[in-house]
Protein backbone atom coordinates (compact mmCIF):
# COMPACT_ATOMS: atom_id res chain seq x y z
CA UNK A 1 139.83 -179.37 -19.44
CA UNK A 2 137.47 -176.83 -19.77
CA UNK A 3 137.33 -173.58 -18.05
CA UNK A 4 134.97 -171.50 -16.57
CA UNK A 5 136.46 -167.93 -15.67
CA UNK A 6 134.54 -165.47 -13.85
CA UNK A 7 136.21 -161.91 -14.36
CA UNK A 8 137.09 -160.86 -18.15
CA UNK A 9 137.03 -156.95 -18.86
CA UNK A 10 136.74 -158.19 -22.43
CA UNK A 11 134.46 -155.20 -24.01
CA UNK A 12 136.51 -152.62 -21.95
CA UNK A 13 139.75 -153.50 -23.80
CA UNK A 14 138.31 -153.75 -26.27
CA UNK A 15 136.28 -149.97 -26.58
CA UNK A 16 138.16 -148.37 -24.28
CA UNK A 17 141.47 -149.87 -24.84
CA UNK A 18 141.29 -150.41 -28.29
CA UNK A 19 142.27 -154.26 -28.61
CA UNK A 20 140.58 -156.05 -31.26
CA UNK A 21 140.17 -159.73 -29.56
CA UNK A 22 139.23 -161.08 -32.81
CA UNK A 23 143.46 -161.16 -32.84
CA UNK A 24 145.49 -163.05 -31.13
CA UNK A 25 147.68 -161.45 -27.87
CA UNK A 26 150.70 -161.87 -29.81
CA UNK A 27 149.58 -159.37 -32.53
CA UNK A 28 148.10 -156.96 -30.44
CA UNK A 29 150.87 -156.93 -28.32
CA UNK A 30 152.79 -156.05 -31.57
CA UNK A 31 150.14 -153.49 -32.25
CA UNK A 32 151.11 -151.65 -28.73
CA UNK A 33 154.78 -151.89 -28.41
CA UNK A 34 155.05 -148.10 -29.04
CA UNK A 35 152.27 -147.56 -26.15
CA UNK A 36 153.68 -146.54 -22.78
CA UNK A 37 151.19 -147.25 -19.84
CA UNK A 38 150.51 -150.42 -17.33
CA UNK A 39 150.04 -153.36 -19.01
CA UNK A 40 150.20 -151.82 -22.98
CA UNK A 41 152.28 -154.55 -24.87
CA UNK A 42 152.22 -156.83 -22.18
CA UNK A 43 147.62 -158.35 -22.87
CA UNK A 44 147.01 -161.89 -21.76
CA UNK A 45 143.45 -162.23 -23.29
CA UNK A 46 142.51 -162.71 -26.57
CA UNK A 47 139.44 -164.91 -28.18
CA UNK A 48 142.05 -167.09 -30.24
CA UNK A 49 144.03 -167.93 -26.59
CA UNK A 50 140.75 -168.76 -24.98
CA UNK A 51 139.67 -171.13 -27.39
CA UNK A 52 143.17 -172.53 -27.16
CA UNK A 53 142.77 -172.86 -22.88
CA UNK A 54 139.53 -174.44 -23.63
CA UNK A 55 137.65 -171.49 -21.65
CA UNK A 56 134.29 -172.36 -22.48
CA UNK A 57 132.63 -169.68 -20.59
CA UNK A 58 133.40 -166.85 -19.23
CA UNK A 59 131.57 -163.98 -17.24
CA UNK A 60 132.41 -160.69 -19.43
CA UNK A 61 131.56 -157.23 -17.40
CA UNK A 62 130.30 -154.12 -18.19
CA UNK A 63 132.65 -151.97 -16.39
CA UNK A 64 132.32 -147.46 -15.74
CA UNK A 65 132.38 -145.66 -12.98
CA UNK A 66 130.69 -142.01 -12.70
CA UNK A 67 133.04 -140.72 -9.69
CA UNK A 68 134.05 -137.60 -10.85
CA UNK A 69 137.51 -138.90 -10.41
CA UNK A 70 140.07 -138.34 -12.94
CA UNK A 71 141.55 -141.53 -14.84
CA UNK A 72 141.59 -142.67 -18.63
CA UNK A 73 138.72 -144.73 -19.83
CA UNK A 74 137.02 -145.75 -16.10
CA UNK A 75 135.76 -142.77 -14.60
CA UNK A 76 132.98 -140.35 -16.32
CA UNK A 77 131.41 -137.30 -14.57
CA UNK A 78 127.54 -138.39 -14.96
CA UNK A 79 125.75 -141.43 -14.18
CA UNK A 80 124.98 -140.39 -18.00
CA UNK A 81 127.96 -140.48 -19.23
CA UNK A 82 128.86 -144.08 -17.75
CA UNK A 83 125.16 -145.36 -18.68
CA UNK A 84 126.54 -144.98 -22.34
CA UNK A 85 130.05 -146.58 -21.76
CA UNK A 86 128.55 -149.61 -20.78
CA UNK A 87 125.63 -149.66 -23.02
CA UNK A 88 128.69 -149.02 -26.11
CA UNK A 89 130.22 -152.33 -24.34
CA UNK A 90 127.03 -154.08 -24.14
CA UNK A 91 126.66 -153.44 -27.61
CA UNK A 92 129.95 -155.01 -28.58
CA UNK A 93 129.31 -157.75 -26.83
CA UNK A 94 125.90 -157.89 -28.68
CA UNK A 95 127.68 -157.65 -32.36
CA UNK A 96 130.39 -160.24 -31.04
CA UNK A 97 127.41 -162.89 -30.88
CA UNK A 98 125.71 -161.99 -33.65
CA UNK A 99 128.57 -162.32 -35.94
CA UNK A 100 128.91 -166.42 -34.37
CA UNK A 101 132.56 -164.59 -32.29
CA UNK A 102 131.19 -165.45 -29.38
CA UNK A 103 127.58 -167.07 -27.76
CA UNK A 104 125.81 -164.88 -25.20
CA UNK A 105 124.29 -167.09 -22.49
CA UNK A 106 121.52 -165.69 -20.81
CA UNK A 107 119.20 -168.85 -19.28
CA UNK A 108 119.74 -172.36 -17.99
CA UNK A 109 118.74 -173.73 -21.53
CA UNK A 110 121.24 -172.35 -23.25
CA UNK A 111 123.81 -172.68 -21.00
CA UNK A 112 123.29 -176.48 -20.87
CA UNK A 113 123.33 -176.62 -24.45
CA UNK A 114 126.61 -174.85 -24.37
CA UNK A 115 128.34 -176.59 -21.76
CA UNK A 116 127.51 -179.43 -23.45
CA UNK A 117 128.65 -178.73 -26.35
CA UNK A 118 132.10 -177.86 -25.18
CA UNK A 119 132.16 -181.63 -23.59
CA UNK A 120 131.39 -183.12 -26.59
CA UNK A 121 134.34 -181.43 -27.98
CA UNK A 122 136.58 -182.35 -25.54
CA UNK A 123 135.40 -185.82 -25.82
CA UNK A 124 135.97 -185.50 -29.88
CA UNK A 125 138.28 -182.90 -31.37
CA UNK A 126 137.64 -183.49 -34.66
CA UNK A 127 134.42 -181.51 -34.09
CA UNK A 128 134.09 -177.89 -34.71
CA UNK A 129 135.12 -176.29 -31.69
CA UNK A 130 132.43 -174.44 -30.10
CA UNK A 131 132.16 -170.28 -29.56
CA UNK A 132 133.64 -169.00 -26.09
CA UNK A 133 130.34 -168.48 -24.00
CA UNK A 134 129.54 -164.97 -22.35
CA UNK A 135 127.56 -164.16 -19.07
CA UNK A 136 127.59 -160.48 -18.97
CA UNK A 137 127.89 -159.06 -16.06
CA UNK A 138 128.16 -155.74 -14.37
CA UNK A 139 131.10 -154.33 -12.52
CA UNK A 140 130.48 -150.82 -10.50
CA UNK A 141 126.55 -150.44 -10.95
CA UNK A 142 127.31 -146.60 -11.84
CA UNK A 143 125.72 -146.59 -15.13
CA UNK A 144 122.08 -147.70 -13.47
CA UNK A 145 120.50 -144.90 -13.54
CA UNK A 146 118.17 -145.16 -10.80
CA UNK A 147 117.04 -148.88 -9.48
CA UNK A 148 114.00 -148.65 -11.53
CA UNK A 149 116.01 -148.80 -14.58
CA UNK A 150 117.17 -152.63 -13.78
CA UNK A 151 114.70 -154.45 -15.94
CA UNK A 152 115.73 -153.28 -19.48
CA UNK A 153 119.22 -153.60 -18.48
CA UNK A 154 118.25 -157.88 -17.40
CA UNK A 155 116.27 -157.40 -20.81
CA UNK A 156 119.10 -156.76 -22.46
CA UNK A 157 121.50 -159.63 -20.98
CA UNK A 158 122.58 -158.34 -18.26
CA UNK A 159 122.44 -161.10 -15.33
CA UNK A 160 125.41 -160.93 -12.50
CA UNK A 161 125.73 -156.92 -10.97
CA UNK A 162 128.63 -156.23 -8.23
CA UNK A 163 127.53 -152.76 -6.95
CA UNK A 164 131.10 -150.84 -6.15
CA UNK A 165 134.59 -151.19 -7.66
CA UNK A 166 137.38 -148.84 -6.54
CA UNK A 167 136.75 -146.34 -3.92
CA UNK A 168 133.25 -144.86 -3.31
CA UNK A 169 130.13 -146.00 -5.56
CA UNK A 170 126.77 -144.30 -6.57
CA UNK A 171 125.15 -147.28 -5.01
CA UNK A 172 127.81 -148.88 -2.47
CA UNK A 173 131.08 -148.16 -0.37
CA UNK A 174 133.66 -150.08 -2.83
CA UNK A 175 137.70 -151.34 -2.19
CA UNK A 176 139.75 -149.06 0.15
CA UNK A 177 136.16 -147.28 1.84
CA UNK A 178 134.57 -147.79 4.77
CA UNK A 179 131.24 -146.73 3.09
CA UNK A 180 128.16 -148.87 2.97
CA UNK A 181 125.15 -149.07 1.28
CA UNK A 182 123.70 -145.96 -0.45
CA UNK A 183 119.73 -145.62 0.16
CA UNK A 184 120.03 -146.26 -3.49
CA UNK A 185 122.12 -149.40 -3.27
CA UNK A 186 119.32 -150.99 -0.69
CA UNK A 187 116.72 -150.26 -3.31
CA UNK A 188 119.17 -151.46 -6.38
CA UNK A 189 119.75 -155.29 -4.42
CA UNK A 190 115.79 -155.39 -3.42
CA UNK A 191 115.34 -154.84 -7.40
CA UNK A 192 118.36 -157.69 -7.88
CA UNK A 193 116.43 -160.22 -5.55
CA UNK A 194 113.04 -159.69 -7.30
CA UNK A 195 114.30 -159.77 -11.07
CA UNK A 196 116.93 -163.02 -9.92
CA UNK A 197 120.29 -160.91 -11.04
CA UNK A 198 122.76 -162.70 -9.03
CA UNK A 199 124.85 -160.48 -6.59
CA UNK A 200 128.93 -160.26 -6.92
CA UNK A 201 130.20 -159.28 -3.46
CA UNK A 202 133.88 -158.54 -4.58
CA UNK A 203 134.88 -155.03 -4.62
CA UNK A 204 132.28 -153.95 -1.70
CA UNK A 205 133.83 -152.35 1.63
CA UNK A 206 133.34 -154.44 4.62
CA UNK A 207 130.14 -152.60 5.47
CA UNK A 208 128.48 -153.02 2.58
CA UNK A 209 129.54 -156.65 2.08
CA UNK A 210 127.77 -157.84 5.83
CA UNK A 211 124.96 -155.06 4.66
CA UNK A 212 124.04 -156.74 1.49
CA UNK A 213 124.08 -159.77 2.82
CA UNK A 214 121.74 -158.83 5.22
CA UNK A 215 119.33 -157.01 2.83
CA UNK A 216 119.97 -159.42 -0.19
CA UNK A 217 118.11 -163.43 -0.12
CA UNK A 218 119.21 -164.01 -3.98
CA UNK A 219 122.26 -166.25 -5.23
CA UNK A 220 125.91 -164.82 -4.04
CA UNK A 221 128.98 -164.88 -5.57
CA UNK A 222 132.54 -163.52 -5.20
CA UNK A 223 133.77 -163.31 -8.97
CA UNK A 224 137.30 -162.16 -8.67
CA UNK A 225 138.40 -162.55 -4.92
CA UNK A 226 140.92 -163.73 -3.01
CA UNK A 227 141.96 -164.49 0.82
CA UNK A 228 142.71 -161.41 3.38
CA UNK A 229 144.19 -164.07 5.23
CA UNK A 230 147.56 -164.63 2.92
CA UNK A 231 147.41 -161.13 1.60
CA UNK A 232 146.58 -158.70 4.30
CA UNK A 233 144.48 -156.06 2.23
CA UNK A 234 140.95 -154.85 2.28
CA UNK A 235 140.23 -156.09 -1.34
CA UNK A 236 140.67 -159.32 0.17
CA UNK A 237 137.68 -161.37 2.07
CA UNK A 238 138.47 -162.54 5.42
CA UNK A 239 137.68 -165.77 6.53
CA UNK A 240 134.35 -164.77 8.12
CA UNK A 241 133.64 -162.97 4.74
CA UNK A 242 134.39 -166.45 2.81
CA UNK A 243 132.40 -168.33 5.55
CA UNK A 244 129.22 -166.18 4.89
CA UNK A 245 129.83 -166.84 1.14
CA UNK A 246 129.81 -170.19 1.57
CA UNK A 247 127.11 -170.81 3.94
CA UNK A 248 124.74 -169.26 0.92
CA UNK A 249 126.36 -171.70 -1.48
CA UNK A 250 127.94 -168.88 -2.96
CA UNK A 251 132.00 -169.51 -5.14
CA UNK A 252 135.11 -167.45 -4.81
CA UNK A 253 136.47 -166.84 -7.77
CA UNK A 254 140.76 -167.17 -7.31
CA UNK A 255 142.11 -163.48 -9.31
CA UNK A 256 145.87 -163.52 -10.89
CA UNK A 257 146.88 -159.95 -9.84
CA UNK A 258 150.25 -160.52 -8.47
CA UNK A 259 149.51 -158.24 -5.63
CA UNK A 260 146.25 -159.79 -4.59
CA UNK A 261 148.29 -163.07 -4.86
CA UNK A 262 151.73 -162.54 -2.46
CA UNK A 263 152.16 -159.79 -0.31
CA UNK A 264 155.52 -159.52 -1.21
CA UNK A 265 155.03 -158.47 -4.30
CA UNK A 266 156.10 -154.97 -5.48
CA UNK A 267 154.79 -152.67 -8.23
CA UNK A 268 158.17 -152.23 -10.40
CA UNK A 269 160.66 -154.75 -7.80
CA UNK A 270 162.92 -157.10 -9.65
CA UNK A 271 162.03 -159.95 -7.48
CA UNK A 272 158.82 -160.16 -8.63
CA UNK A 273 159.58 -163.69 -10.49
CA UNK A 274 158.53 -165.34 -7.43
CA UNK A 275 155.29 -164.97 -7.75
CA UNK A 276 153.87 -167.75 -9.43
CA UNK A 277 150.53 -170.10 -10.55
CA UNK A 278 150.72 -171.91 -7.42
CA UNK A 279 150.37 -168.66 -5.39
CA UNK A 280 146.85 -168.66 -7.46
CA UNK A 281 146.56 -172.73 -5.88
CA UNK A 282 147.58 -170.89 -2.64
CA UNK A 283 144.33 -168.90 -2.54
CA UNK A 284 142.19 -171.75 -3.88
CA UNK A 285 143.58 -174.45 -1.40
CA UNK A 286 142.37 -171.56 1.35
CA UNK A 287 139.42 -171.45 0.47
CA UNK A 288 138.64 -175.42 -0.16
CA UNK A 289 140.23 -176.10 3.52
CA UNK A 290 137.98 -173.60 5.10
CA UNK A 291 134.69 -175.15 3.21
CA UNK A 292 136.42 -178.79 3.70
CA UNK A 293 135.47 -179.66 0.44
CA UNK A 294 136.01 -178.00 -3.13
CA UNK A 295 132.98 -176.69 -4.26
CA UNK A 296 133.47 -172.74 -3.12
CA UNK A 297 136.58 -172.31 -5.07
CA UNK A 298 137.51 -171.15 -8.62
CA UNK A 299 139.10 -169.07 -11.24
CA UNK A 300 137.85 -165.53 -11.73
CA UNK A 301 141.44 -164.27 -13.71
CA UNK A 302 141.07 -160.54 -14.09
CA UNK A 303 143.59 -161.38 -16.69
CA UNK A 304 144.15 -157.71 -18.69
CA UNK A 305 142.09 -155.91 -15.87
CA UNK A 306 144.11 -153.49 -15.96
CA UNK A 307 147.37 -154.57 -16.36
CA UNK A 308 149.55 -157.74 -18.45
CA UNK A 309 152.13 -159.93 -18.11
CA UNK A 310 153.96 -157.69 -15.67
CA UNK A 311 151.80 -157.90 -13.11
CA UNK A 312 150.80 -161.53 -13.61
CA UNK A 313 152.18 -164.75 -12.47
CA UNK A 314 155.43 -165.35 -14.53
CA UNK A 315 154.76 -168.63 -15.62
CA UNK A 316 151.82 -167.00 -17.26
CA UNK A 317 152.20 -165.96 -20.93
CA UNK A 318 148.61 -166.10 -22.14
CA UNK A 319 145.24 -166.76 -20.57
CA UNK A 320 145.78 -170.23 -22.14
CA UNK A 321 148.63 -171.18 -19.39
CA UNK A 322 145.22 -171.21 -16.43
CA UNK A 323 145.53 -175.04 -17.58
CA UNK A 324 148.41 -175.39 -15.80
CA UNK A 325 146.42 -174.97 -12.65
CA UNK A 326 145.34 -178.56 -13.28
CA UNK A 327 148.63 -179.60 -12.51
CA UNK A 328 149.53 -178.11 -9.87
CA UNK A 329 146.66 -178.93 -8.47
CA UNK A 330 146.88 -182.55 -9.19
CA UNK A 331 150.63 -182.36 -7.30
CA UNK A 332 148.70 -181.46 -4.11
CA UNK A 333 146.59 -183.99 -4.28
CA UNK A 334 143.30 -182.76 -5.63
CA UNK A 335 141.53 -185.31 -7.10
CA UNK A 336 140.30 -185.22 -10.94
CA UNK A 337 136.65 -184.57 -9.83
CA UNK A 338 138.07 -181.75 -7.64
CA UNK A 339 139.87 -180.19 -10.19
CA UNK A 340 137.54 -180.23 -12.39
CA UNK A 341 134.80 -178.99 -9.80
CA UNK A 342 137.62 -176.00 -9.42
CA UNK A 343 138.21 -175.31 -13.06
CA UNK A 344 134.75 -174.94 -13.89
CA UNK A 345 132.14 -177.24 -12.05
CA UNK A 346 131.69 -174.80 -9.15
CA UNK A 347 130.58 -172.02 -11.56
CA UNK A 348 128.33 -173.94 -13.53
CA UNK A 349 126.37 -175.01 -10.57
CA UNK A 350 125.97 -171.89 -9.48
CA UNK A 351 124.21 -170.87 -12.53
CA UNK A 352 122.28 -173.66 -12.86
CA UNK A 353 120.79 -173.57 -8.94
CA UNK A 354 120.11 -169.40 -10.03
CA UNK A 355 118.70 -170.28 -13.12
CA UNK A 356 116.58 -172.98 -12.22
């Protein structure tokens, strides 16, 4: 079954982590075997494994913050530096597209043609396998120098924006803060609304979440967000927030970062093998139970989002293993059409609605 994964930091890995994602995961691991640090030598995502795992489409991020905090390859001292870093990531995606390594998707026509090609290939694998498709998403709006600059970012291909990341951002309070939208954040949301850019609510503080829901009338989503009822941390959304997204015809992509999957996961502990893909299915099921259907749960893996196998489900070696979720959901009684919705159909419907 094809998959749409709503959150992969591909350009950040390529440029800030110096990973050539045209090479296999195993080649990248070998080249990093002498490096230390979280995720080094333990990556899970590269284009060959994405093709193997039938990842037909992903939301690929631009990720750069200008908080002034000291964080290697992520935080910059000024918005101008964050702007330049994000522009470099954008150029990387465009270079891959021009070299026919990926297929950048920016509108409904391109989306339909791309998905049709993948579905045709699923029926007849003797056909050439299509390229991995990519919709450009911005995680943290810090690189946008002023809201009035947004049309230029859209012209360059950005279709989804999450205003914040971890900590305080230039436009909104993010994870682990109690900050709402900044004045410029409200301006940014109004401009996003006008231009038809989708709002990713992931990482917004509770205060910023509700303010954004009040002042933004366009299509909302949560690209990579789990359930606070299962893992009690502000990084996850509580049931009321999930209901609010459902009421706006939004979709929530379940992330595979182990600490977000199971509250018993502890960094460096020896019993972390108990965190598996079944825990991701728990979060998917929780969203489906709240919705009363399978139309609002999906995948936003965030694999290689600053971590690797050491912080991923133990039964996942590479992104290709996302395919195992189909069997897990089937054993839980999900029908084939429900599984197809979760694996790709819900994100496809959301993009169709937004780009109609």
